[in-house]
Amino acid sequence: MAATRASTGNSKPRVAAAVSTTPERKRNTTTTTKPATKTGTTKKSTTGAGVTKKRAPPAQHKRKPPVKDKVEGALEKAEGTATRKPGKKAADTKKMNGTDGKTARTRK
């Protein structure tokens, strides 16, 4: 049996709140008056105190790979392509380019 609103104790009348459709005026906020500037003076730069530019990330250290690494990388990359293993292919591409982290310099 379905419970009625009266039996649950929630028998307040269903009345939708009236919503005003008249447009409201935008109130202007009061601002502090700016001090008068002298005529003929130039403006300073607009970058305020504490504003810093973002630096570009440091370039990845690239070693000069020996010929052995280039040949090994090319063969293993072809193997990764043939066996459809993109991770192997990517690792060997990095090996060929010298960005695999092997004998990389430490940051000072």
PDB file of N, CA and C in Angstrom:
ATOM      1  N   MET A   1       0.840  -1.179   0.000  1.00  0.00           N
ATOM      2  CA  MET A   1       0.000   0.000   0.000  1.00  0.00           C
ATOM      3  C   MET A   1       0.882   1.238   0.000  1.00  0.00           C
ATOM      4  N   ALA A   2       0.527   2.203  -0.817  1.00  0.00           N
ATOM      5  CA  ALA A   2       1.317   3.426  -0.925  1.00  0.00           C
ATOM      6  C   ALA A   2       1.036   4.330   0.259  1.00  0.00           C
ATOM      7  N   ALA A   3       2.075   4.936   0.768  1.00  0.00           N
ATOM      8  CA  ALA A   3       1.923   5.863   1.897  1.00  0.00           C
ATOM      9  C   ALA A   3       1.535   7.237   1.369  1.00  0.00           C
ATOM     10  N   THR A   4       0.535   7.822   1.989  1.00  0.00           N
ATOM     11  CA  THR A   4       0.115   9.154   1.566  1.00  0.00           C
ATOM     12  C   THR A   4       0.898  10.197   2.336  1.00  0.00           C
ATOM     13  N   ARG A   5       0.827  11.412   1.868  1.00  0.00           N
ATOM     14  CA  ARG A   5       1.554  12.490   2.542  1.00  0.00           C
ATOM     15  C   ARG A   5       0.973  12.738   3.924  1.00  0.00           C
ATOM     16  N   ALA A   6      -0.301  12.525   4.069  1.00  0.00           N
ATOM     17  CA  ALA A   6      -0.936  12.760   5.367  1.00  0.00           C
ATOM     18  C   ALA A   6      -0.465  11.721   6.382  1.00  0.00           C
ATOM     19  N   SER A   7      -0.278  10.484   5.947  1.00  0.00           N
ATOM     20  CA  SER A   7       0.125   9.440   6.883  1.00  0.00           C
ATOM     21  C   SER A   7       1.601   9.555   7.272  1.00  0.00           C
ATOM     22  N   THR A   8       2.409  10.188   6.438  1.00  0.00           N
ATOM     23  CA  THR A   8       3.831  10.315   6.762  1.00  0.00           C
ATOM     24  C   THR A   8       4.111  11.544   7.622  1.00  0.00           C
ATOM     25  N   GLY A   9       3.150  12.400   7.782  1.00  0.00           N
ATOM     26  CA  GLY A   9       3.352  13.590   8.598  1.00  0.00           C
ATOM     27  C   GLY A   9       3.883  14.767   7.802  1.00  0.00           C
ATOM     28  N   ASN A  10       4.049  14.601   6.511  1.00  0.00           N
ATOM     29  CA  ASN A  10       4.558  15.685   5.674  1.00  0.00           C
ATOM     30  C   ASN A  10       3.398  16.239   4.847  1.00  0.00           C
ATOM     31  N   SER A  11       2.401  16.749   5.530  1.00  0.00           N
ATOM     32  CA  SER A  11       1.193  17.170   4.829  1.00  0.00           C
ATOM     33  C   SER A  11       1.113  18.674   4.630  1.00  0.00           C
ATOM     34  N   LYS A  12       2.252  19.335   4.543  1.00  0.00           N
ATOM     35  CA  LYS A  12       2.230  20.766   4.253  1.00  0.00           C
ATOM     36  C   LYS A  12       1.752  20.953   2.819  1.00  0.00           C
ATOM     37  N   PRO A  13       1.044  22.015   2.549  1.00  0.00           N
ATOM     38  CA  PRO A  13       0.538  22.210   1.187  1.00  0.00           C
ATOM     39  C   PRO A  13       1.675  22.450   0.192  1.00  0.00           C
ATOM     40  N   ARG A  14       1.487  21.937  -0.993  1.00  0.00           N
ATOM     41  CA  ARG A  14       2.495  22.125  -2.039  1.00  0.00           C
ATOM     42  C   ARG A  14       2.284  23.481  -2.689  1.00  0.00           C
ATOM     43  N   VAL A  15       3.062  24.443  -2.261  1.00  0.00           N
ATOM     44  CA  VAL A  15       2.942  25.793  -2.801  1.00  0.00           C
ATOM     45  C   VAL A  15       4.305  26.181  -3.369  1.00  0.00           C
ATOM     46  N   ALA A  16       4.328  26.520  -4.633  1.00  0.00           N
ATOM     47  CA  ALA A  16       5.580  26.949  -5.260  1.00  0.00           C
ATOM     48  C   ALA A  16       5.841  28.391  -4.865  1.00  0.00           C
ATOM     49  N   ALA A  17       7.079  28.697  -4.560  1.00  0.00           N
ATOM     50  CA  ALA A  17       7.436  30.068  -4.194  1.00  0.00           C
ATOM     51  C   ALA A  17       7.314  30.954  -5.420  1.00  0.00           C
ATOM     52  N   ALA A  18       6.751  32.119  -5.217  1.00  0.00           N
ATOM     53  CA  ALA A  18       6.572  33.060  -6.319  1.00  0.00           C
ATOM     54  C   ALA A  18       7.924  33.671  -6.677  1.00  0.00           C
ATOM     55  N   VAL A  19       8.254  33.618  -7.956  1.00  0.00           N
ATOM     56  CA  VAL A  19       9.521  34.163  -8.427  1.00  0.00           C
ATOM     57  C   VAL A  19       9.242  35.466  -9.141  1.00  0.00           C
ATOM     58  N   SER A  20       9.970  36.496  -8.745  1.00  0.00           N
ATOM     59  CA  SER A  20       9.783  37.803  -9.353  1.00  0.00           C
ATOM     60  C   SER A  20      10.396  37.812 -10.742  1.00  0.00           C
ATOM     61  N   THR A  21       9.644  38.316 -11.714  1.00  0.00           N
ATOM     62  CA  THR A  21      10.153  38.363 -13.083  1.00  0.00           C
ATOM     63  C   THR A  21      10.598  39.757 -13.474  1.00  0.00           C
ATOM     64  N   THR A  22      10.492  40.701 -12.569  1.00  0.00           N
ATOM     65  CA  THR A  22      10.917  42.060 -12.899  1.00  0.00           C
ATOM     66  C   THR A  22      12.435  42.145 -12.858  1.00  0.00           C
ATOM     67  N   PRO A  23      13.024  42.856 -13.808  1.00  0.00           N
ATOM     68  CA  PRO A  23      14.484  42.952 -13.813  1.00  0.00           C
ATOM     69  C   PRO A  23      14.976  43.812 -12.650  1.00  0.00           C
ATOM     70  N   GLU A  24      16.104  43.377 -12.103  1.00  0.00           N
ATOM     71  CA  GLU A  24      16.684  44.162 -11.012  1.00  0.00           C
ATOM     72  C   GLU A  24      17.736  45.083 -11.570  1.00  0.00           C
ATOM     73  N   ARG A  25      17.822  46.262 -10.961  1.00  0.00           N
ATOM     74  CA  ARG A  25      18.831  47.198 -11.399  1.00  0.00           C
ATOM     75  C   ARG A  25      20.168  46.839 -10.785  1.00  0.00           C
ATOM     76  N   LYS A  26      21.208  46.996 -11.583  1.00  0.00           N
ATOM     77  CA  LYS A  26      22.542  46.711 -11.090  1.00  0.00           C
ATOM     78  C   LYS A  26      22.996  47.876 -10.229  1.00  0.00           C
ATOM     79  N   ARG A  27      23.425  47.546  -9.016  1.00  0.00           N
ATOM     80  CA  ARG A  27      23.867  48.586  -8.104  1.00  0.00           C
ATOM     81  C   ARG A  27      25.335  48.888  -8.346  1.00  0.00           C
ATOM     82  N   ASN A  28      25.662  50.137  -8.451  1.00  0.00           N
ATOM     83  CA  ASN A  28      27.054  50.535  -8.600  1.00  0.00           C
ATOM     84  C   ASN A  28      27.696  50.588  -7.225  1.00  0.00           C
ATOM     85  N   THR A  29      28.862  50.000  -7.122  1.00  0.00           N
ATOM     86  CA  THR A  29      29.575  50.053  -5.854  1.00  0.00           C
ATOM     87  C   THR A  29      30.412  51.317  -5.829  1.00  0.00           C
ATOM     88  N   THR A  30      30.570  51.857  -4.659  1.00  0.00           N
ATOM     89  CA  THR A  30      31.362  53.081  -4.552  1.00  0.00           C
ATOM     90  C   THR A  30      32.830  52.717  -4.567  1.00  0.00           C
ATOM     91  N   THR A  31      33.590  53.494  -5.296  1.00  0.00           N
ATOM     92  CA  THR A  31      35.024  53.254  -5.373  1.00  0.00           C
ATOM     93  C   THR A  31      35.751  54.411  -4.716  1.00  0.00           C
ATOM     94  N   THR A  32      36.945  54.105  -4.275  1.00  0.00           N
ATOM     95  CA  THR A  32      37.737  55.176  -3.667  1.00  0.00           C
ATOM     96  C   THR A  32      38.271  56.069  -4.765  1.00  0.00           C
ATOM     97  N   THR A  33      38.407  57.302  -4.469  1.00  0.00           N
ATOM     98  CA  THR A  33      38.895  58.240  -5.479  1.00  0.00           C
ATOM     99  C   THR A  33      40.390  58.092  -5.624  1.00  0.00           C
ATOM    100  N   LYS A  34      40.832  58.183  -6.866  1.00  0.00           N
ATOM    101  CA  LYS A  34      42.249  58.050  -7.144  1.00  0.00           C
ATOM    102  C   LYS A  34      42.911  59.420  -6.987  1.00  0.00           C
ATOM    103  N   PRO A  35      44.157  59.421  -6.517  1.00  0.00           N
ATOM    104  CA  PRO A  35      44.829  60.707  -6.394  1.00  0.00           C
ATOM    105  C   PRO A  35      45.085  61.301  -7.775  1.00  0.00           C
ATOM    106  N   ALA A  36      45.037  62.583  -7.861  1.00  0.00           N
ATOM    107  CA  ALA A  36      45.227  63.279  -9.129  1.00  0.00           C
ATOM    108  C   ALA A  36      46.665  63.098  -9.594  1.00  0.00           C
ATOM    109  N   THR A  37      46.826  62.810 -10.877  1.00  0.00           N
ATOM    110  CA  THR A  37      48.164  62.628 -11.414  1.00  0.00           C
ATOM    111  C   THR A  37      48.637  63.919 -12.042  1.00  0.00           C
ATOM    112  N   LYS A  38      49.938  64.104 -12.047  1.00  0.00           N
ATOM    113  CA  LYS A  38      50.507  65.298 -12.663  1.00  0.00           C
ATOM    114  C   LYS A  38      50.477  65.143 -14.166  1.00  0.00           C
ATOM    115  N   THR A  39      50.237  66.206 -14.856  1.00  0.00           N
ATOM    116  CA  THR A  39      50.218  66.140 -16.308  1.00  0.00           C
ATOM    117  C   THR A  39      51.646  66.170 -16.821  1.00  0.00           C
ATOM    118  N   GLY A  40      51.880  65.408 -17.886  1.00  0.00           N
ATOM    119  CA  GLY A  40      53.203  65.396 -18.494  1.00  0.00           C
ATOM    120  C   GLY A  40      54.119  64.324 -17.923  1.00  0.00           C
ATOM    121  N   THR A  41      53.656  63.532 -16.933  1.00  0.00           N
ATOM    122  CA  THR A  41      54.509  62.475 -16.392  1.00  0.00           C
ATOM    123  C   THR A  41      54.233  61.190 -17.155  1.00  0.00           C
ATOM    124  N   THR A  42      55.237  60.353 -17.245  1.00  0.00           N
ATOM    125  CA  THR A  42      55.061  59.080 -17.947  1.00  0.00           C
ATOM    126  C   THR A  42      54.711  57.999 -16.951  1.00  0.00           C
ATOM    127  N   LYS A  43      54.024  57.004 -17.441  1.00  0.00           N
ATOM    128  CA  LYS A  43      53.611  55.897 -16.597  1.00  0.00           C
ATOM    129  C   LYS A  43      54.731  54.877 -16.500  1.00  0.00           C
ATOM    130  N   LYS A  44      54.877  54.258 -15.344  1.00  0.00           N
ATOM    131  CA  LYS A  44      55.878  53.212 -15.178  1.00  0.00           C
ATOM    132  C   LYS A  44      55.333  51.910 -15.740  1.00  0.00           C
ATOM    133  N   SER A  45      56.158  50.882 -15.767  1.00  0.00           N
ATOM    134  CA  SER A  45      55.732  49.602 -16.329  1.00  0.00           C
ATOM    135  C   SER A  45      54.558  49.038 -15.542  1.00  0.00           C
ATOM    136  N   THR A  46      53.734  48.279 -16.225  1.00  0.00           N
ATOM    137  CA  THR A  46      52.514  47.779 -15.597  1.00  0.00           C
ATOM    138  C   THR A  46      52.736  46.516 -14.779  1.00  0.00           C
ATOM    139  N   THR A  47      53.917  45.903 -14.851  1.00  0.00           N
ATOM    140  CA  THR A  47      54.142  44.709 -14.042  1.00  0.00           C
ATOM    141  C   THR A  47      54.372  45.143 -12.608  1.00  0.00           C
ATOM    142  N   GLY A  48      53.520  44.677 -11.734  1.00  0.00           N
ATOM    143  CA  GLY A  48      53.594  45.086 -10.338  1.00  0.00           C
ATOM    144  C   GLY A  48      54.628  44.293  -9.569  1.00  0.00           C
ATOM    145  N   ALA A  49      54.744  44.626  -8.320  1.00  0.00           N
ATOM    146  CA  ALA A  49      55.695  43.927  -7.467  1.00  0.00           C
ATOM    147  C   ALA A  49      55.226  42.496  -7.254  1.00  0.00           C
ATOM    148  N   GLY A  50      56.150  41.571  -7.302  1.00  0.00           N
ATOM    149  CA  GLY A  50      55.815  40.174  -7.059  1.00  0.00           C
ATOM    150  C   GLY A  50      55.342  39.423  -8.286  1.00  0.00           C
ATOM    151  N   VAL A  51      55.269  40.100  -9.442  1.00  0.00           N
ATOM    152  CA  VAL A  51      54.835  39.425 -10.654  1.00  0.00           C
ATOM    153  C   VAL A  51      56.065  38.818 -11.311  1.00  0.00           C
ATOM    154  N   THR A  52      56.058  37.513 -11.506  1.00  0.00           N
ATOM    155  CA  THR A  52      57.197  36.851 -12.132  1.00  0.00           C
ATOM    156  C   THR A  52      56.736  36.103 -13.361  1.00  0.00           C
ATOM    157  N   LYS A  53      57.617  36.016 -14.328  1.00  0.00           N
ATOM    158  CA  LYS A  53      57.306  35.273 -15.547  1.00  0.00           C
ATOM    159  C   LYS A  53      57.639  33.808 -15.329  1.00  0.00           C
ATOM    160  N   LYS A  54      56.888  32.939 -15.978  1.00  0.00           N
ATOM    161  CA  LYS A  54      57.166  31.512 -15.877  1.00  0.00           C
ATOM    162  C   LYS A  54      58.337  31.185 -16.787  1.00  0.00           C
ATOM    163  N   ARG A  55      59.239  30.382 -16.269  1.00  0.00           N
ATOM    164  CA  ARG A  55      60.383  29.975 -17.064  1.00  0.00           C
ATOM    165  C   ARG A  55      60.056  28.714 -17.844  1.00  0.00           C
ATOM    166  N   ALA A  56      60.729  28.562 -18.970  1.00  0.00           N
ATOM    167  CA  ALA A  56      60.558  27.352 -19.764  1.00  0.00           C
ATOM    168  C   ALA A  56      61.248  26.202 -19.040  1.00  0.00           C
ATOM    169  N   PRO A  57      60.735  24.986 -19.173  1.00  0.00           N
ATOM    170  CA  PRO A  57      61.389  23.856 -18.515  1.00  0.00           C
ATOM    171  C   PRO A  57      62.778  23.646 -19.101  1.00  0.00           C
ATOM    172  N   PRO A  58      63.707  23.140 -18.298  1.00  0.00           N
ATOM    173  CA  PRO A  58      65.064  22.943 -18.819  1.00  0.00           C
ATOM    174  C   PRO A  58      65.068  21.894 -19.929  1.00  0.00           C
ATOM    175  N   ALA A  59      65.941  22.099 -20.896  1.00  0.00           N
ATOM    176  CA  ALA A  59      66.030  21.160 -22.017  1.00  0.00           C
ATOM    177  C   ALA A  59      66.564  19.824 -21.516  1.00  0.00           C
ATOM    178  N   GLN A  60      66.073  18.736 -22.112  1.00  0.00           N
ATOM    179  CA  GLN A  60      66.510  17.416 -21.690  1.00  0.00           C
ATOM    180  C   GLN A  60      67.946  17.216 -22.147  1.00  0.00           C
ATOM    181  N   HIS A  61      68.764  16.680 -21.237  1.00  0.00           N
ATOM    182  CA  HIS A  61      70.164  16.456 -21.579  1.00  0.00           C
ATOM    183  C   HIS A  61      70.247  15.352 -22.621  1.00  0.00           C
ATOM    184  N   LYS A  62      70.958  15.635 -23.677  1.00  0.00           N
ATOM    185  CA  LYS A  62      71.077  14.670 -24.755  1.00  0.00           C
ATOM    186  C   LYS A  62      72.547  14.278 -24.887  1.00  0.00           C
ATOM    187  N   ARG A  63      72.807  13.004 -24.706  1.00  0.00           N
ATOM    188  CA  ARG A  63      74.180  12.526 -24.875  1.00  0.00           C
ATOM    189  C   ARG A  63      74.412  12.208 -26.340  1.00  0.00           C
ATOM    190  N   LYS A  64      75.661  12.103 -26.720  1.00  0.00           N
ATOM    191  CA  LYS A  64      75.974  11.721 -28.097  1.00  0.00           C
ATOM    192  C   LYS A  64      76.056  10.207 -28.128  1.00  0.00           C
ATOM    193  N   PRO A  65      75.069   9.548 -28.747  1.00  0.00           N
ATOM    194  CA  PRO A  65      75.070   8.082 -28.724  1.00  0.00           C
ATOM    195  C   PRO A  65      76.148   7.514 -29.639  1.00  0.00           C
ATOM    196  N   PRO A  66      76.820   6.452 -29.186  1.00  0.00           N
ATOM    197  CA  PRO A  66      77.790   5.803 -30.070  1.00  0.00           C
ATOM    198  C   PRO A  66      77.076   5.068 -31.206  1.00  0.00           C
ATOM    199  N   VAL A  67      77.826   4.725 -32.233  1.00  0.00           N
ATOM    200  CA  VAL A  67      77.262   4.060 -33.408  1.00  0.00           C
ATOM    201  C   VAL A  67      76.604   2.741 -32.996  1.00  0.00           C
ATOM    202  N   LYS A  68      77.206   2.063 -32.028  1.00  0.00           N
ATOM    203  CA  LYS A  68      76.664   0.789 -31.547  1.00  0.00           C
ATOM    204  C   LYS A  68      75.227   0.976 -31.043  1.00  0.00           C
ATOM    205  N   ASP A  69      74.990   2.034 -30.256  1.00  0.00           N
ATOM    206  CA  ASP A  69      73.640   2.297 -29.737  1.00  0.00           C
ATOM    207  C   ASP A  69      72.671   2.636 -30.858  1.00  0.00           C
ATOM    208  N   LYS A  70      73.149   3.360 -31.866  1.00  0.00           N
ATOM    209  CA  LYS A  70      72.279   3.729 -32.981  1.00  0.00           C
ATOM    210  C   LYS A  70      71.834   2.483 -33.755  1.00  0.00           C
ATOM    211  N   VAL A  71      72.778   1.575 -34.010  1.00  0.00           N
ATOM    212  CA  VAL A  71      72.455   0.359 -34.755  1.00  0.00           C
ATOM    213  C   VAL A  71      71.553  -0.545 -33.927  1.00  0.00           C
ATOM    214  N   GLU A  72      71.932  -0.750 -32.644  1.00  0.00           N
ATOM    215  CA  GLU A  72      71.104  -1.578 -31.751  1.00  0.00           C
ATOM    216  C   GLU A  72      69.694  -1.024 -31.647  1.00  0.00           C
ATOM    217  N   GLY A  73      69.598   0.284 -31.477  1.00  0.00           N
ATOM    218  CA  GLY A  73      68.290   0.923 -31.344  1.00  0.00           C
ATOM    219  C   GLY A  73      67.447   0.750 -32.583  1.00  0.00           C
ATOM    220  N   ALA A  74      68.077   0.888 -33.756  1.00  0.00           N
ATOM    221  CA  ALA A  74      67.325   0.753 -35.006  1.00  0.00           C
ATOM    222  C   ALA A  74      66.797  -0.664 -35.174  1.00  0.00           C
ATOM    223  N   LEU A  75      67.640  -1.669 -34.850  1.00  0.00           N
ATOM    224  CA  LEU A  75      67.198  -3.064 -34.983  1.00  0.00           C
ATOM    225  C   LEU A  75      66.087  -3.396 -33.991  1.00  0.00           C
ATOM    226  N   GLU A  76      66.255  -2.945 -32.741  1.00  0.00           N
ATOM    227  CA  GLU A  76      65.241  -3.239 -31.724  1.00  0.00           C
ATOM    228  C   GLU A  76      63.954  -2.462 -31.989  1.00  0.00           C
ATOM    229  N   LYS A  77      64.083  -1.255 -32.570  1.00  0.00           N
ATOM    230  CA  LYS A  77      62.891  -0.487 -32.922  1.00  0.00           C
ATOM    231  C   LYS A  77      62.095  -1.226 -33.995  1.00  0.00           C
ATOM    232  N   ALA A  78      62.803  -1.805 -34.982  1.00  0.00           N
ATOM    233  CA  ALA A  78      62.129  -2.581 -36.028  1.00  0.00           C
ATOM    234  C   ALA A  78      61.461  -3.811 -35.420  1.00  0.00           C
ATOM    235  N   GLU A  79      62.130  -4.415 -34.427  1.00  0.00           N
ATOM    236  CA  GLU A  79      61.552  -5.568 -33.731  1.00  0.00           C
ATOM    237  C   GLU A  79      60.268  -5.166 -32.987  1.00  0.00           C
ATOM    238  N   GLY A  80      60.305  -4.003 -32.339  1.00  0.00           N
ATOM    239  CA  GLY A  80      59.127  -3.506 -31.627  1.00  0.00           C
ATOM    240  C   GLY A  80      57.984  -3.193 -32.571  1.00  0.00           C
ATOM    241  N   THR A  81      58.315  -2.713 -33.781  1.00  0.00           N
ATOM    242  CA  THR A  81      57.284  -2.433 -34.786  1.00  0.00           C
ATOM    243  C   THR A  81      56.652  -3.741 -35.261  1.00  0.00           C
ATOM    244  N   ALA A  82      57.503  -4.753 -35.496  1.00  0.00           N
ATOM    245  CA  ALA A  82      57.010  -6.031 -36.013  1.00  0.00           C
ATOM    246  C   ALA A  82      56.145  -6.756 -34.987  1.00  0.00           C
ATOM    247  N   THR A  83      56.525  -6.669 -33.714  1.00  0.00           N
ATOM    248  CA  THR A  83      55.772  -7.383 -32.676  1.00  0.00           C
ATOM    249  C   THR A  83      54.654  -6.526 -32.079  1.00  0.00           C
ATOM    250  N   ARG A  84      54.460  -5.329 -32.612  1.00  0.00           N
ATOM    251  CA  ARG A  84      53.412  -4.393 -32.166  1.00  0.00           C
ATOM    252  C   ARG A  84      53.530  -4.069 -30.685  1.00  0.00           C
ATOM    253  N   LYS A  85      54.741  -3.678 -30.287  1.00  0.00           N
ATOM    254  CA  LYS A  85      54.985  -3.268 -28.903  1.00  0.00           C
ATOM    255  C   LYS A  85      55.458  -1.813 -28.910  1.00  0.00           C
ATOM    256  N   PRO A  86      54.528  -0.865 -28.739  1.00  0.00           N
ATOM    257  CA  PRO A  86      54.898   0.547 -28.844  1.00  0.00           C
ATOM    258  C   PRO A  86      55.876   1.002 -27.761  1.00  0.00           C
ATOM    259  N   GLY A  87      55.844   0.378 -26.599  1.00  0.00           N
ATOM    260  CA  GLY A  87      56.772   0.753 -25.533  1.00  0.00           C
ATOM    261  C   GLY A  87      58.201   0.424 -25.900  1.00  0.00           C
ATOM    262  N   LYS A  88      58.397  -0.747 -26.497  1.00  0.00           N
ATOM    263  CA  LYS A  88      59.733  -1.175 -26.944  1.00  0.00           C
ATOM    264  C   LYS A  88      60.228  -0.252 -28.045  1.00  0.00           C
ATOM    265  N   LYS A  89      59.335   0.096 -28.951  1.00  0.00           N
ATOM    266  CA  LYS A  89      59.672   0.972 -30.065  1.00  0.00           C
ATOM    267  C   LYS A  89      60.102   2.348 -29.555  1.00  0.00           C
ATOM    268  N   ALA A  90      59.363   2.877 -28.570  1.00  0.00           N
ATOM    269  CA  ALA A  90      59.672   4.199 -28.017  1.00  0.00           C
ATOM    270  C   ALA A  90      61.001   4.181 -27.271  1.00  0.00           C
ATOM    271  N   ALA A  91      61.246   3.109 -26.515  1.00  0.00           N
ATOM    272  CA  ALA A  91      62.487   3.009 -25.749  1.00  0.00           C
ATOM    273  C   ALA A  91      63.694   2.972 -26.674  1.00  0.00           C
ATOM    274  N   ASP A  92      63.568   2.275 -27.777  1.00  0.00           N
ATOM    275  CA  ASP A  92      64.695   2.173 -28.695  1.00  0.00           C
ATOM    276  C   ASP A  92      64.873   3.437 -29.518  1.00  0.00           C
ATOM    277  N   THR A  93      63.788   4.160 -29.757  1.00  0.00           N
ATOM    278  CA  THR A  93      63.918   5.461 -30.415  1.00  0.00           C
ATOM    279  C   THR A  93      64.702   6.405 -29.516  1.00  0.00           C
ATOM    280  N   LYS A  94      64.402   6.380 -28.201  1.00  0.00           N
ATOM    281  CA  LYS A  94      65.142   7.213 -27.252  1.00  0.00           C
ATOM    282  C   LYS A  94      66.612   6.796 -27.205  1.00  0.00           C
ATOM    283  N   LYS A  95      66.856   5.504 -27.305  1.00  0.00           N
ATOM    284  CA  LYS A  95      68.230   4.988 -27.288  1.00  0.00           C
ATOM    285  C   LYS A  95      69.002   5.520 -28.494  1.00  0.00           C
ATOM    286  N   MET A  96      68.351   5.515 -29.661  1.00  0.00           N
ATOM    287  CA  MET A  96      68.983   6.014 -30.878  1.00  0.00           C
ATOM    288  C   MET A  96      69.277   7.507 -30.797  1.00  0.00           C
ATOM    289  N   ASN A  97      68.364   8.261 -30.175  1.00  0.00           N
ATOM    290  CA  ASN A  97      68.515   9.714 -30.107  1.00  0.00           C
ATOM    291  C   ASN A  97      69.427  10.177 -28.981  1.00  0.00           C
ATOM    292  N   GLY A  98      69.710   9.286 -28.027  1.00  0.00           N
ATOM    293  CA  GLY A  98      70.587   9.661 -26.927  1.00  0.00           C
ATOM    294  C   GLY A  98      69.858  10.314 -25.776  1.00  0.00           C
ATOM    295  N   THR A  99      68.554  10.114 -25.685  1.00  0.00           N
ATOM    296  CA  THR A  99      67.781  10.713 -24.595  1.00  0.00           C
ATOM    297  C   THR A  99      67.229   9.651 -23.658  1.00  0.00           C
ATOM    298  N   ASP A 100      67.877   8.486 -23.605  1.00  0.00           N
ATOM    299  CA  ASP A 100      67.371   7.390 -22.789  1.00  0.00           C
ATOM    300  C   ASP A 100      67.838   7.455 -21.345  1.00  0.00           C
ATOM    301  N   GLY A 101      68.678   8.415 -20.998  1.00  0.00           N
ATOM    302  CA  GLY A 101      69.123   8.551 -19.612  1.00  0.00           C
ATOM    303  C   GLY A 101      70.366   7.758 -19.302  1.00  0.00           C
ATOM    304  N   LYS A 102      70.912   7.042 -20.260  1.00  0.00           N
ATOM    305  CA  LYS A 102      72.123   6.268 -20.055  1.00  0.00           C
ATOM    306  C   LYS A 102      73.306   7.233 -19.970  1.00  0.00           C
ATOM    307  N   THR A 103      74.080   7.127 -18.919  1.00  0.00           N
ATOM    308  CA  THR A 103      75.217   8.012 -18.622  1.00  0.00           C
ATOM    309  C   THR A 103      74.834   9.476 -18.665  1.00  0.00           C
ATOM    310  N   ALA A 104      73.658   9.780 -18.146  1.00  0.00           N
ATOM    311  CA  ALA A 104      73.201  11.169 -18.142  1.00  0.00           C
ATOM    312  C   ALA A 104      73.904  11.926 -17.028  1.00  0.00           C
ATOM    313  N   ARG A 105      74.082  13.202 -17.225  1.00  0.00           N
ATOM    314  CA  ARG A 105      74.703  14.044 -16.208  1.00  0.00           C
ATOM    315  C   ARG A 105      73.692  14.350 -15.123  1.00  0.00           C
ATOM    316  N   THR A 106      74.189  14.496 -13.909  1.00  0.00           N
ATOM    317  CA  THR A 106      73.299  14.853 -12.807  1.00  0.00           C
ATOM    318  C   THR A 106      73.168  16.357 -12.752  1.00  0.00           C
ATOM    319  N   ARG A 107      72.030  16.852 -12.268  1.00  0.00           N
ATOM    320  CA  ARG A 107      71.815  18.291 -12.138  1.00  0.00           C
ATOM    321  C   ARG A 107      72.644  18.837 -11.007  1.00  0.00           C
ATOM    322  N   LYS A 108      73.173  20.011 -11.204  1.00  0.00           N
ATOM    323  CA  LYS A 108      73.992  20.638 -10.154  1.00  0.00           C
ATOM    324  C   LYS A 108      73.152  21.484  -9.254  1.00  0.00           C
TER     325      LYS A 108
END
